[in-house]
Amino acid sequence: MKKTILAALAAASLLGLGATAANAQVRITVGPPAPLVETVPAGRPGYVWGGGHYEWRHGQYVWVGGHWIAERHGHEWRDARWVQRGNGEWVMVGGNWERRMDYDRDHDRGHHYGRRDDDGDGVPNRFDRHPGNPNRS
């Protein structure tokens, strides 16, 4: 019985660490190289093209080529990209689905969703310390 409880506690703690690690952002002080030029293939029904980007792996930038991603109704794909913050650090933003912004009568780009991103840096205004500056969050 004690071994079962200990095993459950150990598994729960590992799951907690995994969730934290998955949500962490990589912050580095060296900017990425210029993006490689990719030829975007012709459209494919039911899919969107996720453009290629650099990822930080083992202390260096590695190019990850573009690929097809199954469409999500009511959402738009945001390609991954690197943004430099005011403190000089580079962080990757995007690489995710955003709820499609529906324009309403006052054209506030769907502010009621709470996902508004005025500066286009991939950080919703409600989490962005500098929502008017695409180089700072």
C-alpha atoms as a PDB file:
ATOM      1  CA  MET A   1       0.000   0.000   0.000  1.00  0.00           C
ATOM      2  CA  LYS A   2       2.788   2.444   0.930  1.00  0.00           C
ATOM      3  CA  LYS A   3       4.625   1.659  -2.317  1.00  0.00           C
ATOM      4  CA  THR A   4       1.470   2.435  -4.345  1.00  0.00           C
ATOM      5  CA  ILE A   5       0.992   5.784  -2.608  1.00  0.00           C
ATOM      6  CA  LEU A   6       4.671   6.693  -3.057  1.00  0.00           C
ATOM      7  CA  ALA A   7       4.536   5.742  -6.734  1.00  0.00           C
ATOM      8  CA  ALA A   8       1.393   7.872  -7.228  1.00  0.00           C
ATOM      9  CA  LEU A   9       3.018  10.854  -5.496  1.00  0.00           C
ATOM     10  CA  ALA A  10       6.172  10.479  -7.596  1.00  0.00           C
ATOM     11  CA  ALA A  11       4.119  10.302 -10.821  1.00  0.00           C
ATOM     12  CA  ALA A  12       2.081  13.361  -9.816  1.00  0.00           C
ATOM     13  CA  SER A  13       5.209  15.373  -9.086  1.00  0.00           C
ATOM     14  CA  LEU A  14       6.727  14.396 -12.437  1.00  0.00           C
ATOM     15  CA  LEU A  15       3.552  15.431 -14.227  1.00  0.00           C
ATOM     16  CA  GLY A  16       3.663  18.792 -12.492  1.00  0.00           C
ATOM     17  CA  LEU A  17       7.274  19.340 -13.556  1.00  0.00           C
ATOM     18  CA  GLY A  18       6.459  18.320 -17.106  1.00  0.00           C
ATOM     19  CA  ALA A  19       3.610  20.824 -17.320  1.00  0.00           C
ATOM     20  CA  THR A  20       5.850  23.589 -16.023  1.00  0.00           C
ATOM     21  CA  ALA A  21       8.625  22.751 -18.476  1.00  0.00           C
ATOM     22  CA  ALA A  22       6.189  22.626 -21.400  1.00  0.00           C
ATOM     23  CA  ASN A  23       4.961  26.161 -20.641  1.00  0.00           C
ATOM     24  CA  ALA A  24       8.439  27.680 -20.218  1.00  0.00           C
ATOM     25  CA  GLN A  25       9.739  30.129 -22.807  1.00  0.00           C
ATOM     26  CA  VAL A  26      13.306  29.991 -24.063  1.00  0.00           C
ATOM     27  CA  ARG A  27      15.028  33.347 -23.490  1.00  0.00           C
ATOM     28  CA  ILE A  28      18.347  33.937 -25.198  1.00  0.00           C
ATOM     29  CA  THR A  29      20.513  36.968 -25.937  1.00  0.00           C
ATOM     30  CA  VAL A  30      21.643  36.010 -29.461  1.00  0.00           C
ATOM     31  CA  GLY A  31      19.245  36.888 -32.269  1.00  0.00           C
ATOM     32  CA  PRO A  32      18.240  34.310 -34.870  1.00  0.00           C
ATOM     33  CA  PRO A  33      19.755  34.190 -38.358  1.00  0.00           C
ATOM     34  CA  ALA A  34      17.734  35.504 -41.301  1.00  0.00           C
ATOM     35  CA  PRO A  35      14.858  33.122 -42.101  1.00  0.00           C
ATOM     36  CA  LEU A  36      15.405  30.684 -44.936  1.00  0.00           C
ATOM     37  CA  VAL A  37      13.289  31.256 -48.029  1.00  0.00           C
ATOM     38  CA  GLU A  38      10.689  28.537 -48.446  1.00  0.00           C
ATOM     39  CA  THR A  39       8.440  27.894 -51.406  1.00  0.00           C
ATOM     40  CA  VAL A  40       4.920  27.641 -50.043  1.00  0.00           C
ATOM     41  CA  PRO A  41       3.089  24.837 -51.839  1.00  0.00           C
ATOM     42  CA  ALA A  42      -0.335  25.315 -53.418  1.00  0.00           C
ATOM     43  CA  GLY A  43      -3.251  25.286 -50.973  1.00  0.00           C
ATOM     44  CA  ARG A  44      -4.511  22.010 -49.575  1.00  0.00           C
ATOM     45  CA  PRO A  45      -8.193  21.706 -48.559  1.00  0.00           C
ATOM     46  CA  GLY A  46      -8.653  21.311 -44.801  1.00  0.00           C
ATOM     47  CA  TYR A  47      -5.084  22.389 -43.986  1.00  0.00           C
ATOM     48  CA  VAL A  48      -3.074  25.563 -43.421  1.00  0.00           C
ATOM     49  CA  TRP A  49       0.628  26.051 -44.061  1.00  0.00           C
ATOM     50  CA  GLY A  50       2.760  26.568 -40.964  1.00  0.00           C
ATOM     51  CA  GLY A  51       5.842  28.445 -42.139  1.00  0.00           C
ATOM     52  CA  GLY A  52       9.338  27.356 -41.232  1.00  0.00           C
ATOM     53  CA  HIS A  53      11.212  28.952 -38.338  1.00  0.00           C
ATOM     54  CA  TYR A  54      14.319  28.617 -36.226  1.00  0.00           C
ATOM     55  CA  GLU A  55      14.201  26.808 -32.884  1.00  0.00           C
ATOM     56  CA  TRP A  56      16.851  26.974 -30.170  1.00  0.00           C
ATOM     57  CA  ARG A  57      18.256  23.473 -29.601  1.00  0.00           C
ATOM     58  CA  HIS A  58      21.376  22.506 -27.687  1.00  0.00           C
ATOM     59  CA  GLY A  59      22.753  26.048 -27.666  1.00  0.00           C
ATOM     60  CA  GLN A  60      22.197  26.888 -31.338  1.00  0.00           C
ATOM     61  CA  TYR A  61      19.514  27.835 -33.830  1.00  0.00           C
ATOM     62  CA  VAL A  62      18.160  24.969 -35.940  1.00  0.00           C
ATOM     63  CA  TRP A  63      15.827  25.510 -38.915  1.00  0.00           C
ATOM     64  CA  VAL A  64      12.498  23.666 -38.790  1.00  0.00           C
ATOM     65  CA  GLY A  65      10.870  23.539 -42.218  1.00  0.00           C
ATOM     66  CA  GLY A  66       7.280  24.523 -42.873  1.00  0.00           C
ATOM     67  CA  HIS A  67       4.557  21.894 -42.807  1.00  0.00           C
ATOM     68  CA  TRP A  68       0.821  21.353 -43.262  1.00  0.00           C
ATOM     69  CA  ILE A  69      -1.383  21.639 -40.164  1.00  0.00           C
ATOM     70  CA  ALA A  70      -4.978  20.394 -39.981  1.00  0.00           C
ATOM     71  CA  GLU A  71      -7.394  23.332 -39.968  1.00  0.00           C
ATOM     72  CA  ARG A  72      -9.258  24.313 -36.784  1.00  0.00           C
ATOM     73  CA  HIS A  73     -12.660  25.852 -37.408  1.00  0.00           C
ATOM     74  CA  GLY A  74     -12.951  29.391 -35.985  1.00  0.00           C
ATOM     75  CA  HIS A  75      -9.190  29.739 -35.449  1.00  0.00           C
ATOM     76  CA  GLU A  76      -6.177  31.186 -37.283  1.00  0.00           C
ATOM     77  CA  TRP A  77      -2.671  29.723 -37.225  1.00  0.00           C
ATOM     78  CA  ARG A  78       0.085  32.081 -35.962  1.00  0.00           C
ATOM     79  CA  ASP A  79       3.507  31.136 -37.309  1.00  0.00           C
ATOM     80  CA  ALA A  80       6.309  30.868 -34.771  1.00  0.00           C
ATOM     81  CA  ARG A  81       8.754  33.787 -34.778  1.00  0.00           C
ATOM     82  CA  TRP A  82      11.403  35.372 -32.580  1.00  0.00           C
ATOM     83  CA  VAL A  83      10.780  38.721 -30.870  1.00  0.00           C
ATOM     84  CA  GLN A  84      13.399  40.796 -29.074  1.00  0.00           C
ATOM     85  CA  ARG A  85      12.325  42.203 -25.724  1.00  0.00           C
ATOM     86  CA  GLY A  86      13.403  45.539 -24.284  1.00  0.00           C
ATOM     87  CA  ASN A  87      16.029  43.846 -22.109  1.00  0.00           C
ATOM     88  CA  GLY A  88      17.759  42.369 -25.180  1.00  0.00           C
ATOM     89  CA  GLU A  89      16.445  38.833 -24.726  1.00  0.00           C
ATOM     90  CA  TRP A  90      14.905  36.953 -27.640  1.00  0.00           C
ATOM     91  CA  VAL A  91      11.788  34.836 -27.077  1.00  0.00           C
ATOM     92  CA  MET A  92       9.798  32.691 -29.475  1.00  0.00           C
ATOM     93  CA  VAL A  93       6.137  33.600 -29.849  1.00  0.00           C
ATOM     94  CA  GLY A  94       3.414  32.141 -32.016  1.00  0.00           C
ATOM     95  CA  GLY A  95       3.360  28.599 -33.312  1.00  0.00           C
ATOM     96  CA  ASN A  96      -0.199  28.311 -32.049  1.00  0.00           C
ATOM     97  CA  TRP A  97      -3.883  28.683 -32.916  1.00  0.00           C
ATOM     98  CA  GLU A  98      -5.730  31.910 -32.086  1.00  0.00           C
ATOM     99  CA  ARG A  99      -9.477  32.279 -32.049  1.00  0.00           C
ATOM    100  CA  ARG A 100     -10.485  34.120 -35.222  1.00  0.00           C
ATOM    101  CA  MET A 101     -11.285  37.742 -34.436  1.00  0.00           C
ATOM    102  CA  ASP A 102     -14.739  38.698 -35.630  1.00  0.00           C
ATOM    103  CA  TYR A 103     -15.274  42.370 -36.295  1.00  0.00           C
ATOM    104  CA  ASP A 104     -18.286  43.780 -34.510  1.00  0.00           C
ATOM    105  CA  ARG A 105     -20.038  47.137 -34.836  1.00  0.00           C
ATOM    106  CA  ASP A 106     -17.307  49.163 -33.160  1.00  0.00           C
ATOM    107  CA  HIS A 107     -14.486  47.269 -34.966  1.00  0.00           C
ATOM    108  CA  ASP A 108     -12.515  46.444 -31.832  1.00  0.00           C
ATOM    109  CA  ARG A 109     -11.336  43.139 -33.335  1.00  0.00           C
ATOM    110  CA  GLY A 110     -13.311  40.981 -30.954  1.00  0.00           C
ATOM    111  CA  HIS A 111     -12.057  42.560 -27.736  1.00  0.00           C
ATOM    112  CA  HIS A 112     -14.679  40.514 -25.885  1.00  0.00           C
ATOM    113  CA  TYR A 113     -12.505  37.409 -26.389  1.00  0.00           C
ATOM    114  CA  GLY A 114      -9.719  38.883 -24.272  1.00  0.00           C
ATOM    115  CA  ARG A 115      -7.195  37.785 -26.937  1.00  0.00           C
ATOM    116  CA  ARG A 116      -6.533  41.213 -28.453  1.00  0.00           C
ATOM    117  CA  ASP A 117      -2.918  41.745 -29.523  1.00  0.00           C
ATOM    118  CA  ASP A 118      -2.470  45.360 -30.660  1.00  0.00           C
ATOM    119  CA  ASP A 119       1.272  45.154 -31.420  1.00  0.00           C
ATOM    120  CA  GLY A 120       1.234  41.736 -33.111  1.00  0.00           C
ATOM    121  CA  ASP A 121       3.967  40.213 -30.938  1.00  0.00           C
ATOM    122  CA  GLY A 122       1.900  37.105 -30.173  1.00  0.00           C
ATOM    123  CA  VAL A 123       1.265  38.091 -26.547  1.00  0.00           C
ATOM    124  CA  PRO A 124      -2.398  38.988 -25.809  1.00  0.00           C
ATOM    125  CA  ASN A 125      -2.732  42.534 -24.409  1.00  0.00           C
ATOM    126  CA  ARG A 126      -3.950  41.227 -21.054  1.00  0.00           C
ATOM    127  CA  PHE A 127      -0.556  39.504 -20.548  1.00  0.00           C
ATOM    128  CA  ASP A 128       1.599  42.102 -22.332  1.00  0.00           C
ATOM    129  CA  ARG A 129       3.282  44.751 -20.138  1.00  0.00           C
ATOM    130  CA  HIS A 130       3.851  46.889 -23.262  1.00  0.00           C
ATOM    131  CA  PRO A 131       0.857  46.178 -25.578  1.00  0.00           C
ATOM    132  CA  GLY A 132       1.734  48.970 -28.019  1.00  0.00           C
ATOM    133  CA  ASN A 133       5.327  47.886 -28.712  1.00  0.00           C
ATOM    134  CA  PRO A 134       5.980  44.739 -30.812  1.00  0.00           C
ATOM    135  CA  ASN A 135       9.521  44.467 -29.401  1.00  0.00           C
ATOM    136  CA  ARG A 136       8.588  44.416 -25.714  1.00  0.00           C
ATOM    137  CA  SER A 137       6.286  42.394 -23.477  1.00  0.00           C
END
